[in-house]
Amino acid sequence: YEVAGRLVAVFFDGTAHHALDDLCPHMGASLGSGPFVDGTVTCPWHAWRFRACDGAWCDNEKLKVEVFETRVVDGIVEVDDESATVASSPAESPA
């Protein structure tokens, strides 16, 4: 989905909705295209896994994708684009 000019992936874990930056910091694949299992989304290109609750990369929690607050209003999931957490800079990304 596009939210305020940014691509955002939205997932539902059976209890809550989670919204993350849609682009994997490794090579830019769409995280929304990857499998979502047990609160973790897996990048479809190189299998990097990110926790939906906080955006942390499962192999190195210092690297994160941005996460956004969500709410459901009249059955529609809304994403708060001003609630984004600070992601690691690309310079901190492993090769």
Protein backbone atom coordinates (compact mmCIF):
# COMPACT_ATOMS: atom_id res chain seq x y z
CA TYR A 1 0.00 0.00 0.00
CA GLU A 2 1.09 3.58 -0.50
CA VAL A 3 0.91 5.78 2.59
CA ALA A 4 1.93 9.43 2.25
CA GLY A 5 4.10 8.57 -0.77
CA ARG A 6 5.78 5.57 0.88
CA LEU A 7 5.27 1.87 0.28
CA VAL A 8 4.03 0.11 3.40
CA ALA A 9 3.33 -3.60 3.95
CA VAL A 10 0.44 -4.48 6.27
CA PHE A 11 0.13 -7.84 8.02
CA PHE A 12 -2.39 -9.40 10.42
CA ASP A 13 -1.15 -11.90 13.00
CA GLY A 14 -4.58 -13.06 14.12
CA THR A 15 -4.76 -10.46 16.88
CA ALA A 16 -3.27 -7.19 15.62
CA HIS A 17 -2.37 -5.45 12.38
CA HIS A 18 1.26 -4.51 11.76
CA ALA A 19 2.59 -2.02 9.22
CA LEU A 20 6.23 -1.99 8.07
CA ASP A 21 8.29 -0.24 5.43
CA ASP A 22 7.63 -2.43 2.40
CA LEU A 23 11.21 -2.34 1.08
CA CYS A 24 13.81 -4.75 2.41
CA PRO A 25 16.97 -2.76 3.28
CA HIS A 26 19.16 -5.44 1.69
CA MET A 27 18.14 -5.22 -1.99
CA GLY A 28 14.78 -3.43 -2.01
CA ALA A 29 12.43 -6.40 -2.42
CA SER A 30 8.80 -5.98 -1.37
CA LEU A 31 8.38 -7.41 2.12
CA GLY A 32 4.64 -7.48 1.48
CA SER A 33 5.29 -10.19 -1.12
CA GLY A 34 7.04 -12.43 1.40
CA PRO A 35 5.53 -15.02 3.72
CA PHE A 36 4.29 -13.87 7.13
CA VAL A 37 4.49 -16.59 9.79
CA ASP A 38 4.44 -16.31 13.59
CA GLY A 39 4.84 -12.52 13.57
CA THR A 40 7.81 -12.57 11.21
CA VAL A 41 7.92 -11.52 7.56
CA THR A 42 10.53 -13.09 5.28
CA CYS A 43 11.98 -11.19 2.32
CA PRO A 44 11.08 -13.13 -0.84
CA TRP A 45 14.48 -12.53 -2.49
CA HIS A 46 17.12 -13.50 0.09
CA ALA A 47 15.11 -14.72 3.10
CA TRP A 48 15.98 -11.89 5.47
CA ARG A 49 13.44 -12.10 8.33
CA PHE A 50 11.96 -9.12 10.17
CA ARG A 51 9.77 -9.05 13.28
CA ALA A 52 6.49 -7.27 12.60
CA CYS A 53 6.21 -5.95 16.17
CA ASP A 54 9.33 -3.77 16.01
CA GLY A 55 10.82 -4.16 12.51
CA ALA A 56 14.03 -5.77 13.79
CA TRP A 57 16.02 -8.05 11.50
CA CYS A 58 16.04 -11.46 13.19
CA ASP A 59 19.78 -11.98 12.54
CA ASN A 60 20.91 -8.59 13.88
CA GLU A 61 18.43 -6.53 15.90
CA LYS A 62 20.42 -3.34 15.29
CA LEU A 63 19.09 -3.28 11.73
CA LYS A 64 15.41 -2.42 11.51
CA VAL A 65 12.82 -1.49 8.95
CA GLU A 66 10.44 1.28 9.94
CA VAL A 67 7.22 0.30 11.68
CA PHE A 68 4.02 2.33 11.82
CA GLU A 69 1.12 2.39 14.25
CA THR A 70 -2.16 1.01 12.93
CA ARG A 71 -5.79 1.23 13.95
CA VAL A 72 -9.02 -0.18 12.56
CA VAL A 73 -11.83 2.31 11.91
CA ASP A 74 -15.14 1.01 10.57
CA GLY A 75 -13.43 -2.17 9.40
CA ILE A 76 -10.66 -0.34 7.53
CA VAL A 77 -7.02 -0.59 8.62
CA GLU A 78 -5.45 2.86 8.89
CA VAL A 79 -1.69 3.44 9.04
CA ASP A 80 -0.28 6.45 10.90
CA ASP A 81 2.51 7.71 8.65
CA GLU A 82 3.73 10.12 11.35
CA SER A 83 4.39 7.31 13.84
CA ALA A 84 7.33 5.73 12.00
CA THR A 85 10.19 4.54 14.15
CA VAL A 86 13.72 5.50 13.18
CA ALA A 87 15.29 2.87 10.95
CA SER A 88 18.99 2.12 10.75
CA SER A 89 20.81 4.08 8.09
CA PRO A 90 21.85 2.24 4.92
CA ALA A 91 25.48 2.65 5.98
CA GLU A 92 24.77 0.37 8.94
CA SER A 93 23.36 -2.37 6.73
CA PRO A 94 25.46 -5.50 6.32
CA ALA A 95 26.53 -6.37 2.78
